[in-house]
Amino acid sequence: MSMKLIRIKEVMDRTGLARATIYKYMKLGLFPKQVKLGTHAVAWVESEVEAWIQSGIEYRDSESA
Protein backbone atom coordinates (compact mmCIF):
# COMPACT_ATOMS: atom_id res chain seq x y z
CA MET A 1 0.00 0.00 0.00
CA SER A 2 1.41 3.33 -1.06
CA MET A 3 1.01 6.30 1.27
CA LYS A 4 1.66 9.82 0.15
CA LEU A 5 2.94 12.39 2.63
CA ILE A 6 2.03 16.05 2.27
CA ARG A 7 3.73 19.04 3.84
CA ILE A 8 2.12 21.80 5.92
CA LYS A 9 1.54 24.18 2.97
CA GLU A 10 -0.53 21.58 1.14
CA VAL A 11 -2.40 20.65 4.33
CA MET A 12 -3.25 24.32 4.79
CA ASP A 13 -4.35 24.65 1.16
CA ARG A 14 -6.57 21.56 1.32
CA THR A 15 -8.20 22.29 4.67
CA GLY A 16 -8.34 26.08 4.61
CA LEU A 17 -6.91 26.09 8.14
CA ALA A 18 -4.06 28.25 9.37
CA ARG A 19 -0.85 26.61 10.57
CA ALA A 20 -1.57 27.52 14.20
CA THR A 21 -5.08 26.06 13.97
CA ILE A 22 -3.77 22.77 12.57
CA TYR A 23 -1.35 22.41 15.48
CA LYS A 24 -4.03 23.44 18.00
CA TYR A 25 -6.47 20.84 16.60
CA MET A 26 -3.72 18.20 16.71
CA LYS A 27 -3.04 18.99 20.38
CA LEU A 28 -6.78 18.64 21.11
CA GLY A 29 -6.93 15.33 19.21
CA LEU A 30 -9.18 16.83 16.52
CA PHE A 31 -6.76 16.55 13.58
CA PRO A 32 -4.40 13.80 12.33
CA LYS A 33 -0.92 13.82 13.82
CA GLN A 34 2.13 14.57 11.75
CA VAL A 35 4.89 12.15 10.77
CA LYS A 36 8.40 13.27 11.68
CA LEU A 37 10.67 13.13 8.63
CA GLY A 38 13.82 14.52 10.17
CA THR A 39 15.10 16.99 12.71
CA HIS A 40 13.05 19.91 11.38
CA ALA A 41 10.72 18.33 8.84
CA VAL A 42 7.23 16.92 9.28
CA ALA A 43 4.43 15.83 6.96
CA TRP A 44 0.93 14.39 7.17
CA VAL A 45 -0.47 11.21 5.64
CA GLU A 46 -2.59 12.42 2.73
CA SER A 47 -5.33 9.84 3.25
CA GLU A 48 -5.72 10.85 6.92
CA VAL A 49 -6.13 14.50 5.99
CA GLU A 50 -8.63 13.57 3.27
CA ALA A 51 -10.57 11.42 5.78
CA TRP A 52 -10.66 14.37 8.21
CA ILE A 53 -12.09 16.60 5.48
CA GLN A 54 -14.64 13.93 4.52
CA SER A 55 -15.76 13.54 8.14
CA GLY A 56 -16.45 17.28 8.27
CA ILE A 57 -18.60 17.00 5.15
CA GLU A 58 -20.48 14.01 6.56
CA TYR A 59 -21.08 15.83 9.85
CA ARG A 60 -22.43 18.85 7.96
CA ASP A 61 -24.74 16.66 5.90
CA SER A 62 -26.07 14.78 8.94
CA GLU A 63 -26.82 18.08 10.70
CA SER A 64 -28.95 19.31 7.81
CA ALA A 65 -30.91 16.04 7.47
C-alpha atoms as a PDB file:
ATOM      1  CA  MET A   1       0.000   0.000   0.000  1.00  0.00           C
ATOM      2  CA  SER A   2       1.411   3.332  -1.055  1.00  0.00           C
ATOM      3  CA  MET A   3       1.006   6.299   1.273  1.00  0.00           C
ATOM      4  CA  LYS A   4       1.664   9.824   0.154  1.00  0.00           C
ATOM      5  CA  LEU A   5       2.936  12.390   2.630  1.00  0.00           C
ATOM      6  CA  ILE A   6       2.032  16.045   2.272  1.00  0.00           C
ATOM      7  CA  ARG A   7       3.732  19.039   3.843  1.00  0.00           C
ATOM      8  CA  ILE A   8       2.124  21.800   5.921  1.00  0.00           C
ATOM      9  CA  LYS A   9       1.535  24.178   2.967  1.00  0.00           C
ATOM     10  CA  GLU A  10      -0.534  21.582   1.141  1.00  0.00           C
ATOM     11  CA  VAL A  11      -2.401  20.648   4.333  1.00  0.00           C
ATOM     12  CA  MET A  12      -3.249  24.324   4.795  1.00  0.00           C
ATOM     13  CA  ASP A  13      -4.354  24.650   1.157  1.00  0.00           C
ATOM     14  CA  ARG A  14      -6.572  21.561   1.321  1.00  0.00           C
ATOM     15  CA  THR A  15      -8.199  22.295   4.671  1.00  0.00           C
ATOM     16  CA  GLY A  16      -8.336  26.081   4.606  1.00  0.00           C
ATOM     17  CA  LEU A  17      -6.913  26.086   8.136  1.00  0.00           C
ATOM     18  CA  ALA A  18      -4.065  28.254   9.372  1.00  0.00           C
ATOM     19  CA  ARG A  19      -0.851  26.607  10.566  1.00  0.00           C
ATOM     20  CA  ALA A  20      -1.572  27.516  14.203  1.00  0.00           C
ATOM     21  CA  THR A  21      -5.081  26.056  13.972  1.00  0.00           C
ATOM     22  CA  ILE A  22      -3.769  22.766  12.571  1.00  0.00           C
ATOM     23  CA  TYR A  23      -1.349  22.413  15.476  1.00  0.00           C
ATOM     24  CA  LYS A  24      -4.026  23.438  17.998  1.00  0.00           C
ATOM     25  CA  TYR A  25      -6.465  20.842  16.601  1.00  0.00           C
ATOM     26  CA  MET A  26      -3.715  18.197  16.714  1.00  0.00           C
ATOM     27  CA  LYS A  27      -3.044  18.989  20.380  1.00  0.00           C
ATOM     28  CA  LEU A  28      -6.776  18.642  21.106  1.00  0.00           C
ATOM     29  CA  GLY A  29      -6.932  15.330  19.207  1.00  0.00           C
ATOM     30  CA  LEU A  30      -9.178  16.825  16.518  1.00  0.00           C
ATOM     31  CA  PHE A  31      -6.756  16.553  13.582  1.00  0.00           C
ATOM     32  CA  PRO A  32      -4.401  13.803  12.330  1.00  0.00           C
ATOM     33  CA  LYS A  33      -0.918  13.824  13.825  1.00  0.00           C
ATOM     34  CA  GLN A  34       2.130  14.575  11.750  1.00  0.00           C
ATOM     35  CA  VAL A  35       4.890  12.155  10.771  1.00  0.00           C
ATOM     36  CA  LYS A  36       8.402  13.266  11.677  1.00  0.00           C
ATOM     37  CA  LEU A  37      10.673  13.128   8.629  1.00  0.00           C
ATOM     38  CA  GLY A  38      13.818  14.523  10.165  1.00  0.00           C
ATOM     39  CA  THR A  39      15.098  16.986  12.708  1.00  0.00           C
ATOM     40  CA  HIS A  40      13.052  19.910  11.380  1.00  0.00           C
ATOM     41  CA  ALA A  41      10.721  18.326   8.841  1.00  0.00           C
ATOM     42  CA  VAL A  42       7.227  16.918   9.280  1.00  0.00           C
ATOM     43  CA  ALA A  43       4.428  15.825   6.960  1.00  0.00           C
ATOM     44  CA  TRP A  44       0.934  14.385   7.170  1.00  0.00           C
ATOM     45  CA  VAL A  45      -0.470  11.207   5.636  1.00  0.00           C
ATOM     46  CA  GLU A  46      -2.587  12.424   2.730  1.00  0.00           C
ATOM     47  CA  SER A  47      -5.330   9.839   3.252  1.00  0.00           C
ATOM     48  CA  GLU A  48      -5.716  10.847   6.918  1.00  0.00           C
ATOM     49  CA  VAL A  49      -6.130  14.504   5.993  1.00  0.00           C
ATOM     50  CA  GLU A  50      -8.632  13.570   3.275  1.00  0.00           C
ATOM     51  CA  ALA A  51     -10.573  11.421   5.783  1.00  0.00           C
ATOM     52  CA  TRP A  52     -10.662  14.368   8.212  1.00  0.00           C
ATOM     53  CA  ILE A  53     -12.093  16.603   5.476  1.00  0.00           C
ATOM     54  CA  GLN A  54     -14.638  13.926   4.522  1.00  0.00           C
ATOM     55  CA  SER A  55     -15.764  13.542   8.141  1.00  0.00           C
ATOM     56  CA  GLY A  56     -16.451  17.283   8.268  1.00  0.00           C
ATOM     57  CA  ILE A  57     -18.600  17.003   5.153  1.00  0.00           C
ATOM     58  CA  GLU A  58     -20.477  14.006   6.561  1.00  0.00           C
ATOM     59  CA  TYR A  59     -21.084  15.835   9.851  1.00  0.00           C
ATOM     60  CA  ARG A  60     -22.428  18.847   7.959  1.00  0.00           C
ATOM     61  CA  ASP A  61     -24.741  16.659   5.902  1.00  0.00           C
ATOM     62  CA  SER A  62     -26.065  14.783   8.944  1.00  0.00           C
ATOM     63  CA  GLU A  63     -26.824  18.076  10.702  1.00  0.00           C
ATOM     64  CA  SER A  64     -28.949  19.314   7.810  1.00  0.00           C
ATOM     65  CA  ALA A  65     -30.913  16.044   7.471  1.00  0.00           C
END
